[in-house]
Structures are given as structure tokens and as C-alpha cells.
Amino acid sequence: MRYTYQAQGTCSQLINLDVEEGIINDVSFVGGCNGNLQGISKLIKGMKIDDVIDRLEGIRCGYKATSCPDQLCQALKQIKELQG
């Protein structure tokens, strides 16, 4: 199922995700550091939501309280709640 998450506090504005049965099929970011975010997207493709959250949650970007990977985790947490 496709989801869109509005990122907060980062250079990326939106995170588009395709997740089925707790597995990430595709991720794309709108805005942000294009090369780094493409790399993250490819690395997490096929991974379980919980594994990505365990690895990326809490990462900060410089002085900011969050980062694009952390915002991705927030999106994944919302998806987990929606999927039950």
C-alpha cells in the first residue's frame, strides 16, 4: 500500500512509501540530499519496518533534533499503527 508522510524539521518535505505486510517495497523522498536519500532508499528496500526503525531512529542532522532517516522512522511507526 502507498503512503505519503509529511516530514518535519528536515530538508525533505515528503516521504513516499510502498509497504506491504511490514516489508518496505519502495521509498522516495521529495527534497533533501538526493544522493544520500537514494542510497538509504535502496538499502532499506526489502527490509522489515522494525529493522529499519531499530537502525535509523534517533539519528540527528547537525544541530537539528531530527533527520531524514529519523523522519522515515516516524513515517514507518505511523504505518505500523495503521496496519495494526
C-alpha atoms as a PDB file:
ATOM      1  CA  MET A   1       0.000   0.000   0.000  1.00  0.00           C
ATOM      2  CA  ARG A   2       1.254   3.503  -0.813  1.00  0.00           C
ATOM      3  CA  TYR A   3       1.700   6.083   1.923  1.00  0.00           C
ATOM      4  CA  THR A   4       2.859   9.711   1.963  1.00  0.00           C
ATOM      5  CA  TYR A   5       4.351  11.275   5.075  1.00  0.00           C
ATOM      6  CA  GLN A   6       4.995  14.995   5.513  1.00  0.00           C
ATOM      7  CA  ALA A   7       8.447  15.305   7.045  1.00  0.00           C
ATOM      8  CA  GLN A   8       9.015  17.876   9.776  1.00  0.00           C
ATOM      9  CA  GLY A   9      12.240  19.659  10.657  1.00  0.00           C
ATOM     10  CA  THR A  10      14.258  18.367   7.687  1.00  0.00           C
ATOM     11  CA  CYS A  11      15.215  19.459   4.182  1.00  0.00           C
ATOM     12  CA  SER A  12      12.984  16.759   2.685  1.00  0.00           C
ATOM     13  CA  GLN A  13       9.324  17.711   2.597  1.00  0.00           C
ATOM     14  CA  LEU A  14       7.637  14.407   1.793  1.00  0.00           C
ATOM     15  CA  ILE A  15       8.420  10.725   2.079  1.00  0.00           C
ATOM     16  CA  ASN A  16       6.571   8.367  -0.270  1.00  0.00           C
ATOM     17  CA  LEU A  17       6.486   4.733   0.816  1.00  0.00           C
ATOM     18  CA  ASP A  18       5.148   1.450  -0.513  1.00  0.00           C
ATOM     19  CA  VAL A  19       4.797  -1.080   2.319  1.00  0.00           C
ATOM     20  CA  GLU A  20       3.116  -4.499   2.285  1.00  0.00           C
ATOM     21  CA  GLU A  21       2.815  -6.812   5.289  1.00  0.00           C
ATOM     22  CA  GLY A  22       5.542  -4.985   7.217  1.00  0.00           C
ATOM     23  CA  ILE A  23       8.061  -5.093   4.343  1.00  0.00           C
ATOM     24  CA  ILE A  24       9.299  -1.945   2.597  1.00  0.00           C
ATOM     25  CA  ASN A  25       8.915  -2.250  -1.176  1.00  0.00           C
ATOM     26  CA  ASP A  26       9.882   1.298  -2.168  1.00  0.00           C
ATOM     27  CA  VAL A  27      10.778   4.671  -0.626  1.00  0.00           C
ATOM     28  CA  SER A  28      11.323   8.045  -2.267  1.00  0.00           C
ATOM     29  CA  PHE A  29      11.947  11.460  -0.751  1.00  0.00           C
ATOM     30  CA  VAL A  30      10.881  14.871  -2.062  1.00  0.00           C
ATOM     31  CA  GLY A  31      13.656  17.356  -1.283  1.00  0.00           C
ATOM     32  CA  GLY A  32      16.682  16.731   0.875  1.00  0.00           C
ATOM     33  CA  CYS A  33      20.129  15.407  -0.056  1.00  0.00           C
ATOM     34  CA  ASN A  34      19.243  13.494  -3.205  1.00  0.00           C
ATOM     35  CA  GLY A  35      22.214  11.119  -3.394  1.00  0.00           C
ATOM     36  CA  ASN A  36      22.146  10.173   0.288  1.00  0.00           C
ATOM     37  CA  LEU A  37      18.392   9.642   0.296  1.00  0.00           C
ATOM     38  CA  GLN A  38      18.527   7.494  -2.845  1.00  0.00           C
ATOM     39  CA  GLY A  39      21.159   5.383  -1.102  1.00  0.00           C
ATOM     40  CA  ILE A  40      19.041   4.970   2.026  1.00  0.00           C
ATOM     41  CA  SER A  41      16.037   4.080  -0.129  1.00  0.00           C
ATOM     42  CA  LYS A  42      17.941   1.321  -1.924  1.00  0.00           C
ATOM     43  CA  LEU A  43      19.482  -0.029   1.278  1.00  0.00           C
ATOM     44  CA  ILE A  44      16.158  -0.442   3.083  1.00  0.00           C
ATOM     45  CA  LYS A  45      14.215  -1.904   0.152  1.00  0.00           C
ATOM     46  CA  GLY A  46      13.013  -5.365   1.167  1.00  0.00           C
ATOM     47  CA  MET A  47      13.658  -4.774   4.870  1.00  0.00           C
ATOM     48  CA  LYS A  48      11.171  -5.167   7.711  1.00  0.00           C
ATOM     49  CA  ILE A  49       9.777  -1.969   9.206  1.00  0.00           C
ATOM     50  CA  ASP A  50      11.054  -2.854  12.695  1.00  0.00           C
ATOM     51  CA  ASP A  51      14.603  -3.466  11.453  1.00  0.00           C
ATOM     52  CA  VAL A  52      14.741  -0.049   9.787  1.00  0.00           C
ATOM     53  CA  ILE A  53      13.372   1.664  12.902  1.00  0.00           C
ATOM     54  CA  ASP A  54      15.935  -0.126  15.084  1.00  0.00           C
ATOM     55  CA  ARG A  55      18.802   1.069  12.884  1.00  0.00           C
ATOM     56  CA  LEU A  56      17.794   4.616  11.952  1.00  0.00           C
ATOM     57  CA  GLU A  57      15.577   6.075  14.677  1.00  0.00           C
ATOM     58  CA  GLY A  58      17.125   8.932  16.633  1.00  0.00           C
ATOM     59  CA  ILE A  59      19.723   9.968  14.044  1.00  0.00           C
ATOM     60  CA  ARG A  60      20.173  13.721  14.078  1.00  0.00           C
ATOM     61  CA  CYS A  61      21.259  16.043  11.272  1.00  0.00           C
ATOM     62  CA  GLY A  62      23.742  18.562  12.616  1.00  0.00           C
ATOM     63  CA  TYR A  63      22.044  20.839  15.146  1.00  0.00           C
ATOM     64  CA  LYS A  64      18.538  19.644  14.231  1.00  0.00           C
ATOM     65  CA  ALA A  65      16.569  17.431  16.606  1.00  0.00           C
ATOM     66  CA  THR A  66      15.776  15.027  13.752  1.00  0.00           C
ATOM     67  CA  SER A  67      16.995  13.928  10.308  1.00  0.00           C
ATOM     68  CA  CYS A  68      15.597  12.416   7.133  1.00  0.00           C
ATOM     69  CA  PRO A  69      16.327   8.860   8.387  1.00  0.00           C
ATOM     70  CA  ASP A  70      14.648   9.697  11.710  1.00  0.00           C
ATOM     71  CA  GLN A  71      11.626  11.141   9.898  1.00  0.00           C
ATOM     72  CA  LEU A  72      11.481   7.964   7.820  1.00  0.00           C
ATOM     73  CA  CYS A  73      11.204   6.047  11.105  1.00  0.00           C
ATOM     74  CA  GLN A  74       8.371   8.296  12.258  1.00  0.00           C
ATOM     75  CA  ALA A  75       6.566   7.541   8.994  1.00  0.00           C
ATOM     76  CA  LEU A  76       7.145   3.814   9.454  1.00  0.00           C
ATOM     77  CA  LYS A  77       5.763   3.958  13.003  1.00  0.00           C
ATOM     78  CA  GLN A  78       2.582   5.567  11.670  1.00  0.00           C
ATOM     79  CA  ILE A  79       2.281   2.866   9.015  1.00  0.00           C
ATOM     80  CA  LYS A  80       2.696   0.162  11.667  1.00  0.00           C
ATOM     81  CA  GLU A  81      -0.201   1.693  13.624  1.00  0.00           C
ATOM     82  CA  LEU A  82      -2.391   1.879  10.509  1.00  0.00           C
ATOM     83  CA  GLN A  83      -1.635  -1.699   9.510  1.00  0.00           C
ATOM     84  CA  GLY A  84      -2.308  -2.914  13.054  1.00  0.00           C
END
